[in-house]
Amino acid sequence: MTDIMEPEILIDAGEADESTVQEVYRNLRVLYGTRAGEQALDRDFGISQLSVDAPSPEAEAEFTAEFVKKTQRYEPRARVTRVDWINGERENGNVHPRLEVELV
């Protein structure tokens, strides 16, 4: 069983002002920290946990696709450019994503 840990989010702000960067960062933290199905008025909001039973490489690929898709849908000012997986706790079934995001 794979368990996804809180993602690390690195933002390339480009020309955006600091308040926009902070707002997008907060929005992404909420999006990535919410399990899909938890929000009563929008059950699709959040990251699906259906991949938690998949072996790590498959789960990582599915979570990566989920991060890209949900970012595109819920925070259109941001685009995921890279997802790396920190393997420090993989032996315990935990994976820790590091997302690189640019503001568009």
C-alpha atoms as a PDB file:
ATOM      1  CA  MET A   1       0.000   0.000   0.000  1.00  0.00           C
ATOM      2  CA  THR A   2       1.301   3.430  -0.964  1.00  0.00           C
ATOM      3  CA  ASP A   3       0.534   6.504   1.114  1.00  0.00           C
ATOM      4  CA  ILE A   4       1.155   9.962  -0.291  1.00  0.00           C
ATOM      5  CA  MET A   5       2.734  12.449   2.084  1.00  0.00           C
ATOM      6  CA  GLU A   6       2.274  16.234   2.022  1.00  0.00           C
ATOM      7  CA  PRO A   7       3.774  17.558  -1.207  1.00  0.00           C
ATOM      8  CA  GLU A   8       6.562  20.097  -1.321  1.00  0.00           C
ATOM      9  CA  ILE A   9       5.587  22.902  -3.725  1.00  0.00           C
ATOM     10  CA  LEU A  10       8.213  25.009  -5.498  1.00  0.00           C
ATOM     11  CA  ILE A  11       6.818  27.947  -7.490  1.00  0.00           C
ATOM     12  CA  ASP A  12       8.515  29.748 -10.368  1.00  0.00           C
ATOM     13  CA  ALA A  13       6.719  33.090 -10.085  1.00  0.00           C
ATOM     14  CA  GLY A  14       8.006  34.696 -13.258  1.00  0.00           C
ATOM     15  CA  GLU A  15       6.597  38.234 -13.377  1.00  0.00           C
ATOM     16  CA  ALA A  16       3.841  37.649 -10.774  1.00  0.00           C
ATOM     17  CA  ASP A  17       3.665  39.836  -7.683  1.00  0.00           C
ATOM     18  CA  GLU A  18       4.180  38.377  -4.202  1.00  0.00           C
ATOM     19  CA  SER A  19       0.501  38.425  -3.211  1.00  0.00           C
ATOM     20  CA  THR A  20      -0.444  36.388  -6.301  1.00  0.00           C
ATOM     21  CA  VAL A  21       2.324  33.891  -5.580  1.00  0.00           C
ATOM     22  CA  GLN A  22       1.147  33.485  -1.981  1.00  0.00           C
ATOM     23  CA  GLU A  23      -2.495  33.090  -3.047  1.00  0.00           C
ATOM     24  CA  VAL A  24      -1.659  30.421  -5.628  1.00  0.00           C
ATOM     25  CA  TYR A  25       0.574  28.630  -3.111  1.00  0.00           C
ATOM     26  CA  ARG A  26      -2.241  28.548  -0.520  1.00  0.00           C
ATOM     27  CA  ASN A  27      -4.734  27.336  -3.120  1.00  0.00           C
ATOM     28  CA  LEU A  28      -2.413  24.522  -4.203  1.00  0.00           C
ATOM     29  CA  ARG A  29      -1.746  23.472  -0.589  1.00  0.00           C
ATOM     30  CA  VAL A  30      -5.495  23.170  -0.003  1.00  0.00           C
ATOM     31  CA  LEU A  31      -6.036  21.338  -3.296  1.00  0.00           C
ATOM     32  CA  TYR A  32      -3.190  18.866  -2.752  1.00  0.00           C
ATOM     33  CA  GLY A  33      -4.030  18.380   0.920  1.00  0.00           C
ATOM     34  CA  THR A  34      -7.661  17.471   0.260  1.00  0.00           C
ATOM     35  CA  ARG A  35      -8.784  13.984  -0.660  1.00  0.00           C
ATOM     36  CA  ALA A  36     -11.163  13.867  -3.610  1.00  0.00           C
ATOM     37  CA  GLY A  37     -14.687  13.283  -2.319  1.00  0.00           C
ATOM     38  CA  GLU A  38     -14.313  15.289   0.902  1.00  0.00           C
ATOM     39  CA  GLN A  39     -15.870  18.528  -0.361  1.00  0.00           C
ATOM     40  CA  ALA A  40     -19.660  18.340  -0.281  1.00  0.00           C
ATOM     41  CA  LEU A  41     -20.333  20.744  -3.147  1.00  0.00           C
ATOM     42  CA  ASP A  42     -17.528  19.496  -5.395  1.00  0.00           C
ATOM     43  CA  ARG A  43     -16.672  15.830  -4.876  1.00  0.00           C
ATOM     44  CA  ASP A  44     -13.979  15.977  -7.569  1.00  0.00           C
ATOM     45  CA  PHE A  45     -11.976  18.662  -5.700  1.00  0.00           C
ATOM     46  CA  GLY A  46      -8.761  17.285  -4.212  1.00  0.00           C
ATOM     47  CA  ILE A  47      -6.420  14.451  -5.047  1.00  0.00           C
ATOM     48  CA  SER A  48      -7.854  10.996  -5.639  1.00  0.00           C
ATOM     49  CA  GLN A  49      -6.536   8.326  -3.302  1.00  0.00           C
ATOM     50  CA  LEU A  50      -7.513   5.411  -5.564  1.00  0.00           C
ATOM     51  CA  SER A  51      -3.837   4.806  -6.351  1.00  0.00           C
ATOM     52  CA  VAL A  52      -2.824   4.130  -2.759  1.00  0.00           C
ATOM     53  CA  ASP A  53      -3.107   0.381  -3.259  1.00  0.00           C
ATOM     54  CA  ALA A  54      -1.004   0.351  -6.412  1.00  0.00           C
ATOM     55  CA  PRO A  55       2.698  -0.516  -6.292  1.00  0.00           C
ATOM     56  CA  SER A  56       4.863   2.598  -5.903  1.00  0.00           C
ATOM     57  CA  PRO A  57       5.893   3.261  -9.549  1.00  0.00           C
ATOM     58  CA  GLU A  58       2.307   2.916 -10.743  1.00  0.00           C
ATOM     59  CA  ALA A  59       0.960   4.980  -7.850  1.00  0.00           C
ATOM     60  CA  GLU A  60       3.521   7.705  -8.544  1.00  0.00           C
ATOM     61  CA  ALA A  61       2.500   7.866 -12.211  1.00  0.00           C
ATOM     62  CA  GLU A  62      -1.188   8.058 -11.314  1.00  0.00           C
ATOM     63  CA  PHE A  63      -0.619  10.695  -8.628  1.00  0.00           C
ATOM     64  CA  THR A  64       1.505  12.733 -11.065  1.00  0.00           C
ATOM     65  CA  ALA A  65      -1.319  12.698 -13.607  1.00  0.00           C
ATOM     66  CA  GLU A  66      -3.777  13.665 -10.856  1.00  0.00           C
ATOM     67  CA  PHE A  67      -1.624  16.631  -9.753  1.00  0.00           C
ATOM     68  CA  VAL A  68      -1.372  17.899 -13.340  1.00  0.00           C
ATOM     69  CA  LYS A  69      -5.079  17.446 -14.103  1.00  0.00           C
ATOM     70  CA  LYS A  70      -6.376  18.957 -10.859  1.00  0.00           C
ATOM     71  CA  THR A  71      -3.970  21.915 -10.986  1.00  0.00           C
ATOM     72  CA  GLN A  72      -5.113  22.671 -14.513  1.00  0.00           C
ATOM     73  CA  ARG A  73      -8.765  22.520 -13.453  1.00  0.00           C
ATOM     74  CA  TYR A  74      -8.721  24.266 -10.066  1.00  0.00           C
ATOM     75  CA  GLU A  75      -5.796  26.708 -10.291  1.00  0.00           C
ATOM     76  CA  PRO A  76      -5.511  27.802 -13.934  1.00  0.00           C
ATOM     77  CA  ARG A  77      -2.871  30.418 -13.033  1.00  0.00           C
ATOM     78  CA  ALA A  78      -0.430  27.575 -12.341  1.00  0.00           C
ATOM     79  CA  ARG A  79       1.022  24.750 -14.418  1.00  0.00           C
ATOM     80  CA  VAL A  80       2.860  21.714 -13.045  1.00  0.00           C
ATOM     81  CA  THR A  81       6.196  21.474 -14.845  1.00  0.00           C
ATOM     82  CA  ARG A  82       7.805  18.642 -12.890  1.00  0.00           C
ATOM     83  CA  VAL A  83       6.996  16.092 -10.201  1.00  0.00           C
ATOM     84  CA  ASP A  84       9.829  14.333  -8.395  1.00  0.00           C
ATOM     85  CA  TRP A  85       9.380  11.636  -5.786  1.00  0.00           C
ATOM     86  CA  ILE A  86      11.516  11.721  -2.665  1.00  0.00           C
ATOM     87  CA  ASN A  87      12.107   8.117  -1.666  1.00  0.00           C
ATOM     88  CA  GLY A  88      13.119   8.569   1.944  1.00  0.00           C
ATOM     89  CA  GLU A  89      10.224   6.554   3.353  1.00  0.00           C
ATOM     90  CA  ARG A  90       9.336   4.340   0.398  1.00  0.00           C
ATOM     91  CA  GLU A  91      10.222   1.201   2.369  1.00  0.00           C
ATOM     92  CA  ASN A  92       7.289   2.050   4.670  1.00  0.00           C
ATOM     93  CA  GLY A  93       4.976   2.570   1.703  1.00  0.00           C
ATOM     94  CA  ASN A  94       5.144   6.365   1.888  1.00  0.00           C
ATOM     95  CA  VAL A  95       6.023   8.569  -1.070  1.00  0.00           C
ATOM     96  CA  HIS A  96       6.770  12.274  -0.817  1.00  0.00           C
ATOM     97  CA  PRO A  97       6.158  14.367  -3.949  1.00  0.00           C
ATOM     98  CA  ARG A  98       8.046  17.535  -4.839  1.00  0.00           C
ATOM     99  CA  LEU A  99       6.135  19.605  -7.388  1.00  0.00           C
ATOM    100  CA  GLU A 100       7.623  22.359  -9.508  1.00  0.00           C
ATOM    101  CA  VAL A 101       4.948  24.791 -10.639  1.00  0.00           C
ATOM    102  CA  GLU A 102       5.160  27.872 -12.829  1.00  0.00           C
ATOM    103  CA  LEU A 103       2.669  30.700 -12.915  1.00  0.00           C
ATOM    104  CA  VAL A 104       1.146  31.330 -16.334  1.00  0.00           C
END
